Amino acid sequence: MFEDCIDQIKDSFDRVDPLWSEVNFLMRGDLALPIQGGPDTLRAVYGRPQDDGTLKAVAGDGLVVSLSWDSAGNQESQSIHQYGSATQDASSKHYGDQVQLFVDEKMKPTFFDKLELEKNTESVITVPFKK
C-alpha cells in the first residue's frame, strides 16, 4: 500500500514531497484556490481525488459564525461561508464571493443592528405567509 501511494504521488507531481497547497483545493466556478485542512481536523476539509492527483474539497467546515460581547454588552458577530450566499445560482456575484476569505481563514461582519443591516442590504425578498 505504501509503495502504491508513493507511485501515485510521483505520477501526479513528479516527486514524493508536493506541498499541500499543490494538492488540496477549494473549487468554485472558475476558481481553484489551495486550502489548508484535512479530514477530521479543526479545519475539516474532505477532498475528492481528481484525475491529476489533486483533491477537490467536497465536504467539511462550511458556515462558521462567531459572536462576542464586550463588558458593556455590545455585540459583535462575524461569519464566513466557504462559497457565498448564492449557493445554487452560478450567475450571481455571491456564488463564490466568500471563497478567498474562507481560504485565507478570515471572516466578514454579520449585521444585527437594524441600521447597519439596512446599510449593507442589497435586496429584500418578502415571502408571503398565509395563516
N, C-alpha and C. Protein backbone atom coordinates (compact mmCIF):
# COMPACT_ATOMS: atom_id res chain seq x y z
N MET A 1 0.84 -1.20 0.00
CA MET A 1 0.00 0.00 0.00
C MET A 1 0.88 1.26 0.00
N PHE A 2 1.91 1.26 0.85
CA PHE A 2 2.80 2.42 0.93
C PHE A 2 3.46 2.69 -0.41
N GLU A 3 3.97 1.63 -1.04
CA GLU A 3 4.64 1.80 -2.33
C GLU A 3 3.65 2.30 -3.40
N ASP A 4 2.41 1.82 -3.34
CA ASP A 4 1.39 2.30 -4.28
C ASP A 4 1.13 3.80 -4.09
N CYS A 5 1.08 4.24 -2.84
CA CYS A 5 0.86 5.67 -2.56
C CYS A 5 2.02 6.50 -3.09
N ILE A 6 3.25 6.04 -2.87
CA ILE A 6 4.44 6.75 -3.37
C ILE A 6 4.38 6.83 -4.89
N ASP A 7 4.05 5.74 -5.54
CA ASP A 7 3.96 5.73 -7.01
C ASP A 7 2.90 6.71 -7.50
N GLN A 8 1.76 6.73 -6.83
CA GLN A 8 0.68 7.64 -7.22
C GLN A 8 1.10 9.10 -7.07
N ILE A 9 1.75 9.44 -5.97
CA ILE A 9 2.21 10.81 -5.76
C ILE A 9 3.25 11.19 -6.81
N LYS A 10 4.20 10.30 -7.07
CA LYS A 10 5.22 10.58 -8.08
C LYS A 10 4.61 10.72 -9.47
N ASP A 11 3.62 9.91 -9.78
CA ASP A 11 2.95 10.01 -11.09
C ASP A 11 2.25 11.35 -11.26
N SER A 12 1.65 11.84 -10.18
CA SER A 12 0.88 13.09 -10.25
C SER A 12 1.74 14.34 -10.16
N PHE A 13 2.79 14.29 -9.33
CA PHE A 13 3.54 15.51 -9.02
C PHE A 13 5.02 15.44 -9.36
N ASP A 14 5.47 14.34 -9.96
CA ASP A 14 6.87 14.14 -10.36
C ASP A 14 7.84 14.20 -9.18
N ARG A 15 7.35 14.02 -7.97
CA ARG A 15 8.20 13.95 -6.77
C ARG A 15 7.35 13.39 -5.63
N VAL A 16 7.97 13.09 -4.52
CA VAL A 16 7.23 12.49 -3.40
C VAL A 16 6.86 13.51 -2.33
N ASP A 17 7.25 14.77 -2.52
CA ASP A 17 7.03 15.76 -1.46
C ASP A 17 6.31 17.02 -1.93
N PRO A 18 5.16 16.88 -2.63
CA PRO A 18 4.45 18.10 -3.04
C PRO A 18 3.95 18.87 -1.82
N LEU A 19 3.91 20.17 -1.95
CA LEU A 19 3.33 21.00 -0.89
C LEU A 19 1.83 20.73 -0.83
N TRP A 20 1.25 20.86 0.34
CA TRP A 20 -0.19 20.66 0.49
C TRP A 20 -0.95 21.65 -0.39
N SER A 21 -0.39 22.84 -0.58
CA SER A 21 -1.02 23.86 -1.42
C SER A 21 -1.00 23.48 -2.91
N GLU A 22 -0.27 22.44 -3.27
CA GLU A 22 -0.28 21.92 -4.64
C GLU A 22 -1.27 20.77 -4.79
N VAL A 23 -1.82 20.31 -3.66
CA VAL A 23 -2.66 19.12 -3.66
C VAL A 23 -4.12 19.42 -3.34
N ASN A 24 -4.37 20.22 -2.31
CA ASN A 24 -5.70 20.39 -1.73
C ASN A 24 -6.32 21.72 -2.18
N PHE A 25 -7.49 21.65 -2.85
CA PHE A 25 -8.08 22.85 -3.43
C PHE A 25 -9.57 23.01 -3.09
N LEU A 26 -9.97 24.26 -2.90
CA LEU A 26 -11.38 24.63 -2.84
C LEU A 26 -11.71 25.19 -4.22
N MET A 27 -12.67 24.58 -4.89
CA MET A 27 -13.00 24.97 -6.26
C MET A 27 -14.44 25.48 -6.30
N ARG A 28 -14.61 26.57 -7.02
CA ARG A 28 -15.94 27.17 -7.17
C ARG A 28 -15.96 27.95 -8.46
N GLY A 29 -16.83 27.57 -9.39
CA GLY A 29 -16.83 28.23 -10.69
C GLY A 29 -15.47 28.07 -11.34
N ASP A 30 -14.86 29.19 -11.73
CA ASP A 30 -13.54 29.16 -12.35
C ASP A 30 -12.40 29.23 -11.33
N LEU A 31 -12.73 29.36 -10.06
CA LEU A 31 -11.71 29.45 -9.01
C LEU A 31 -11.23 28.07 -8.57
N ALA A 32 -9.94 27.97 -8.35
CA ALA A 32 -9.34 26.78 -7.74
C ALA A 32 -8.24 27.32 -6.83
N LEU A 33 -8.55 27.41 -5.53
CA LEU A 33 -7.61 28.01 -4.58
C LEU A 33 -7.11 26.96 -3.60
N PRO A 34 -5.80 26.94 -3.33
CA PRO A 34 -5.27 25.99 -2.35
C PRO A 34 -5.85 26.30 -0.97
N ILE A 35 -6.16 25.23 -0.22
CA ILE A 35 -6.79 25.41 1.09
C ILE A 35 -6.11 24.51 2.11
N GLN A 36 -5.93 25.06 3.31
CA GLN A 36 -5.39 24.28 4.42
C GLN A 36 -6.48 23.36 4.96
N GLY A 37 -6.09 22.36 5.69
CA GLY A 37 -7.04 21.48 6.35
C GLY A 37 -7.03 20.09 5.77
N GLY A 38 -7.79 19.24 6.43
CA GLY A 38 -7.89 17.85 6.00
C GLY A 38 -8.99 17.17 6.78
N PRO A 39 -9.20 15.90 6.51
CA PRO A 39 -10.27 15.16 7.20
C PRO A 39 -10.06 15.13 8.71
N ASP A 40 -11.16 15.25 9.43
CA ASP A 40 -11.17 15.08 10.89
C ASP A 40 -10.21 16.02 11.62
N THR A 41 -10.13 17.26 11.16
CA THR A 41 -9.33 18.28 11.82
C THR A 41 -10.23 19.45 12.18
N LEU A 42 -9.67 20.41 12.95
CA LEU A 42 -10.44 21.60 13.28
C LEU A 42 -10.87 22.33 12.01
N ARG A 43 -10.02 22.39 11.04
CA ARG A 43 -10.33 22.95 9.72
C ARG A 43 -10.66 21.77 8.80
N ALA A 44 -11.82 21.17 9.01
CA ALA A 44 -12.17 19.95 8.28
C ALA A 44 -12.37 20.23 6.79
N VAL A 45 -11.61 19.53 5.97
CA VAL A 45 -11.74 19.61 4.52
C VAL A 45 -11.60 18.19 3.99
N TYR A 46 -12.66 17.71 3.37
CA TYR A 46 -12.65 16.37 2.80
C TYR A 46 -12.55 16.52 1.29
N GLY A 47 -11.48 15.97 0.70
CA GLY A 47 -11.25 16.13 -0.72
C GLY A 47 -11.56 14.89 -1.52
N ARG A 48 -12.07 15.12 -2.72
CA ARG A 48 -12.32 14.02 -3.67
C ARG A 48 -11.16 14.02 -4.67
N PRO A 49 -10.50 12.89 -4.85
CA PRO A 49 -9.37 12.83 -5.80
C PRO A 49 -9.81 13.19 -7.21
N GLN A 50 -8.97 13.98 -7.87
CA GLN A 50 -9.19 14.37 -9.25
C GLN A 50 -8.23 13.57 -10.15
N ASP A 51 -8.47 13.59 -11.44
CA ASP A 51 -7.64 12.82 -12.38
C ASP A 51 -6.17 13.20 -12.33
N ASP A 52 -5.89 14.48 -11.97
CA ASP A 52 -4.49 14.94 -11.95
C ASP A 52 -3.81 14.71 -10.61
N GLY A 53 -4.46 14.01 -9.68
CA GLY A 53 -3.87 13.72 -8.38
C GLY A 53 -4.18 14.74 -7.30
N THR A 54 -4.79 15.86 -7.68
CA THR A 54 -5.16 16.85 -6.67
C THR A 54 -6.44 16.41 -5.97
N LEU A 55 -6.78 17.16 -4.92
CA LEU A 55 -8.02 16.92 -4.18
C LEU A 55 -8.93 18.13 -4.32
N LYS A 56 -10.19 17.88 -4.61
CA LYS A 56 -11.20 18.94 -4.68
C LYS A 56 -12.04 18.84 -3.41
N ALA A 57 -12.05 19.93 -2.61
CA ALA A 57 -12.83 19.94 -1.38
C ALA A 57 -14.30 19.76 -1.71
N VAL A 58 -14.93 18.76 -1.09
CA VAL A 58 -16.34 18.49 -1.34
C VAL A 58 -17.18 18.48 -0.06
N ALA A 59 -16.53 18.51 1.09
CA ALA A 59 -17.25 18.50 2.36
C ALA A 59 -16.32 19.00 3.45
N GLY A 60 -16.91 19.27 4.60
CA GLY A 60 -16.12 19.73 5.74
C GLY A 60 -16.73 20.97 6.34
N ASP A 61 -15.89 21.78 6.97
CA ASP A 61 -16.37 23.03 7.55
C ASP A 61 -16.95 23.90 6.45
N GLY A 62 -18.10 24.51 6.73
CA GLY A 62 -18.74 25.36 5.73
C GLY A 62 -19.10 26.70 6.30
N LEU A 63 -20.14 26.76 7.07
CA LEU A 63 -20.58 28.01 7.67
C LEU A 63 -19.99 28.11 9.08
N VAL A 64 -19.31 29.21 9.34
CA VAL A 64 -18.74 29.46 10.67
C VAL A 64 -19.23 30.83 11.12
N VAL A 65 -19.77 30.90 12.33
CA VAL A 65 -20.27 32.15 12.90
C VAL A 65 -19.63 32.33 14.27
N SER A 66 -19.18 33.54 14.53
CA SER A 66 -18.58 33.87 15.82
C SER A 66 -19.33 35.06 16.42
N LEU A 67 -19.72 34.94 17.70
CA LEU A 67 -20.39 36.02 18.41
C LEU A 67 -19.58 36.36 19.65
N SER A 68 -19.51 37.65 19.96
CA SER A 68 -18.85 38.07 21.20
C SER A 68 -19.53 39.32 21.73
N TRP A 69 -19.39 39.53 23.02
CA TRP A 69 -19.94 40.70 23.69
C TRP A 69 -18.84 41.33 24.52
N ASP A 70 -18.77 42.65 24.53
CA ASP A 70 -17.82 43.31 25.41
C ASP A 70 -18.45 43.52 26.79
N SER A 71 -17.73 44.13 27.72
CA SER A 71 -18.22 44.28 29.09
C SER A 71 -19.45 45.19 29.18
N ALA A 72 -19.67 46.01 28.15
CA ALA A 72 -20.85 46.88 28.13
C ALA A 72 -22.05 46.20 27.46
N GLY A 73 -21.86 44.97 27.01
CA GLY A 73 -22.95 44.24 26.37
C GLY A 73 -23.08 44.47 24.88
N ASN A 74 -22.13 45.18 24.27
CA ASN A 74 -22.17 45.40 22.82
C ASN A 74 -21.79 44.12 22.10
N GLN A 75 -22.61 43.76 21.13
CA GLN A 75 -22.43 42.51 20.41
C GLN A 75 -21.61 42.72 19.15
N GLU A 76 -20.76 41.76 18.86
CA GLU A 76 -20.04 41.72 17.58
C GLU A 76 -20.24 40.33 17.00
N SER A 77 -20.52 40.27 15.73
CA SER A 77 -20.74 39.00 15.07
C SER A 77 -20.00 38.98 13.74
N GLN A 78 -19.39 37.84 13.46
CA GLN A 78 -18.70 37.64 12.19
C GLN A 78 -19.09 36.27 11.66
N SER A 79 -19.00 36.13 10.35
CA SER A 79 -19.30 34.83 9.75
C SER A 79 -18.48 34.64 8.49
N ILE A 80 -18.46 33.41 8.04
CA ILE A 80 -17.86 33.08 6.75
C ILE A 80 -18.54 31.80 6.24
N HIS A 81 -18.72 31.73 4.94
CA HIS A 81 -19.25 30.54 4.27
C HIS A 81 -18.24 30.18 3.19
N GLN A 82 -18.04 28.93 2.94
CA GLN A 82 -16.98 28.56 2.01
C GLN A 82 -17.21 29.04 0.58
N TYR A 83 -18.44 29.36 0.23
CA TYR A 83 -18.71 29.83 -1.13
C TYR A 83 -19.24 31.26 -1.14
N GLY A 84 -20.43 31.45 -0.70
CA GLY A 84 -21.12 32.73 -0.72
C GLY A 84 -22.58 32.49 -0.40
N SER A 85 -23.37 33.54 -0.47
CA SER A 85 -24.78 33.39 -0.08
C SER A 85 -25.66 32.85 -1.19
N ALA A 86 -25.18 32.84 -2.42
CA ALA A 86 -25.97 32.29 -3.54
C ALA A 86 -25.39 30.93 -3.90
N THR A 87 -25.70 29.94 -3.09
CA THR A 87 -25.04 28.64 -3.23
C THR A 87 -25.42 27.86 -4.48
N GLN A 88 -26.56 28.20 -5.11
CA GLN A 88 -27.00 27.43 -6.27
C GLN A 88 -27.18 28.26 -7.53
N ASP A 89 -26.90 29.55 -7.47
CA ASP A 89 -27.08 30.44 -8.63
C ASP A 89 -25.72 30.87 -9.15
N ALA A 90 -25.18 30.12 -10.09
CA ALA A 90 -23.83 30.40 -10.60
C ALA A 90 -23.73 31.75 -11.29
N SER A 91 -24.84 32.36 -11.67
CA SER A 91 -24.80 33.67 -12.32
C SER A 91 -24.74 34.82 -11.31
N SER A 92 -24.94 34.53 -10.04
CA SER A 92 -24.92 35.57 -9.01
C SER A 92 -23.49 35.95 -8.64
N LYS A 93 -23.28 37.23 -8.35
CA LYS A 93 -21.95 37.66 -7.90
C LYS A 93 -21.63 37.10 -6.51
N HIS A 94 -22.62 36.56 -5.82
CA HIS A 94 -22.42 35.99 -4.49
C HIS A 94 -22.22 34.47 -4.54
N TYR A 95 -22.10 33.91 -5.73
CA TYR A 95 -21.92 32.47 -5.90
C TYR A 95 -20.59 32.00 -5.29
N GLY A 96 -19.57 32.83 -5.41
CA GLY A 96 -18.25 32.47 -4.88
C GLY A 96 -17.53 33.63 -4.25
N ASP A 97 -18.27 34.64 -3.80
CA ASP A 97 -17.60 35.85 -3.32
C ASP A 97 -16.97 35.73 -1.93
N GLN A 98 -17.15 34.59 -1.25
CA GLN A 98 -16.51 34.41 0.05
C GLN A 98 -15.38 33.38 0.01
N VAL A 99 -15.12 32.79 -1.16
CA VAL A 99 -14.13 31.73 -1.28
C VAL A 99 -12.75 32.20 -0.81
N GLN A 100 -12.30 33.35 -1.29
CA GLN A 100 -10.96 33.82 -0.92
C GLN A 100 -10.86 34.10 0.57
N LEU A 101 -11.88 34.72 1.15
CA LEU A 101 -11.88 34.94 2.61
C LEU A 101 -11.82 33.62 3.36
N PHE A 102 -12.59 32.64 2.91
CA PHE A 102 -12.60 31.33 3.57
C PHE A 102 -11.23 30.67 3.50
N VAL A 103 -10.62 30.69 2.32
CA VAL A 103 -9.29 30.11 2.14
C VAL A 103 -8.26 30.84 3.01
N ASP A 104 -8.41 32.17 3.12
CA ASP A 104 -7.48 32.97 3.94
C ASP A 104 -7.78 32.87 5.43
N GLU A 105 -8.80 32.09 5.80
CA GLU A 105 -9.21 31.90 7.19
C GLU A 105 -9.59 33.23 7.86
N LYS A 106 -10.33 34.04 7.11
CA LYS A 106 -10.81 35.34 7.60
C LYS A 106 -12.34 35.31 7.63
N MET A 107 -12.90 36.26 8.36
CA MET A 107 -14.36 36.35 8.46
C MET A 107 -14.81 37.74 8.05
N LYS A 108 -16.12 37.89 7.85
CA LYS A 108 -16.71 39.18 7.49
C LYS A 108 -17.73 39.55 8.56
N PRO A 109 -18.05 40.84 8.68
CA PRO A 109 -19.05 41.23 9.68
C PRO A 109 -20.43 40.69 9.35
N THR A 110 -21.18 40.38 10.39
CA THR A 110 -22.58 39.99 10.28
C THR A 110 -23.37 41.07 10.99
N PHE A 111 -24.39 41.58 10.37
CA PHE A 111 -25.07 42.76 10.88
C PHE A 111 -26.36 42.41 11.61
N PHE A 112 -26.43 42.75 12.91
CA PHE A 112 -27.64 42.56 13.69
C PHE A 112 -28.30 43.90 14.02
N ASP A 113 -27.51 44.96 14.05
CA ASP A 113 -28.06 46.29 14.26
C ASP A 113 -28.88 46.66 13.03
N LYS A 114 -30.13 47.11 13.25
CA LYS A 114 -31.05 47.37 12.13
C LYS A 114 -30.48 48.38 11.14
N LEU A 115 -29.88 49.47 11.62
CA LEU A 115 -29.33 50.48 10.70
C LEU A 115 -28.15 49.93 9.93
N GLU A 116 -27.26 49.20 10.59
CA GLU A 116 -26.12 48.60 9.88
C GLU A 116 -26.59 47.57 8.86
N LEU A 117 -27.59 46.81 9.23
CA LEU A 117 -28.15 45.82 8.30
C LEU A 117 -28.74 46.50 7.07
N GLU A 118 -29.51 47.56 7.28
CA GLU A 118 -30.10 48.29 6.15
C GLU A 118 -29.02 48.87 5.24
N LYS A 119 -27.94 49.41 5.83
CA LYS A 119 -26.85 49.98 5.03
C LYS A 119 -26.12 48.92 4.20
N ASN A 120 -26.20 47.68 4.63
CA ASN A 120 -25.47 46.60 3.97
C ASN A 120 -26.38 45.58 3.29
N THR A 121 -27.61 45.98 3.01
CA THR A 121 -28.57 45.10 2.34
C THR A 121 -28.68 45.47 0.88
N GLU A 122 -28.51 44.50 0.01
CA GLU A 122 -28.62 44.72 -1.43
C GLU A 122 -30.04 44.61 -1.93
N SER A 123 -30.75 43.61 -1.42
CA SER A 123 -32.11 43.38 -1.87
C SER A 123 -32.88 42.67 -0.76
N VAL A 124 -34.20 42.77 -0.86
CA VAL A 124 -35.08 42.14 0.12
C VAL A 124 -36.14 41.35 -0.63
N ILE A 125 -36.36 40.14 -0.19
CA ILE A 125 -37.44 39.31 -0.75
C ILE A 125 -38.39 39.01 0.39
N THR A 126 -39.66 39.32 0.17
CA THR A 126 -40.68 39.05 1.17
C THR A 126 -41.46 37.81 0.75
N VAL A 127 -41.46 36.84 1.62
CA VAL A 127 -42.18 35.60 1.35
C VAL A 127 -43.56 35.73 1.97
N PRO A 128 -44.61 35.59 1.17
CA PRO A 128 -45.96 35.73 1.72
C PRO A 128 -46.24 34.60 2.72
N PHE A 129 -46.95 34.96 3.76
CA PHE A 129 -47.31 34.00 4.80
C PHE A 129 -48.82 33.93 4.91
N LYS A 130 -49.36 32.76 4.78
CA LYS A 130 -50.81 32.60 4.92
C LYS A 130 -51.08 31.80 6.18
N LYS A 131 -52.07 32.26 6.93
CA LYS A 131 -52.45 31.54 8.15
C LYS A 131 -53.37 30.40 7.85
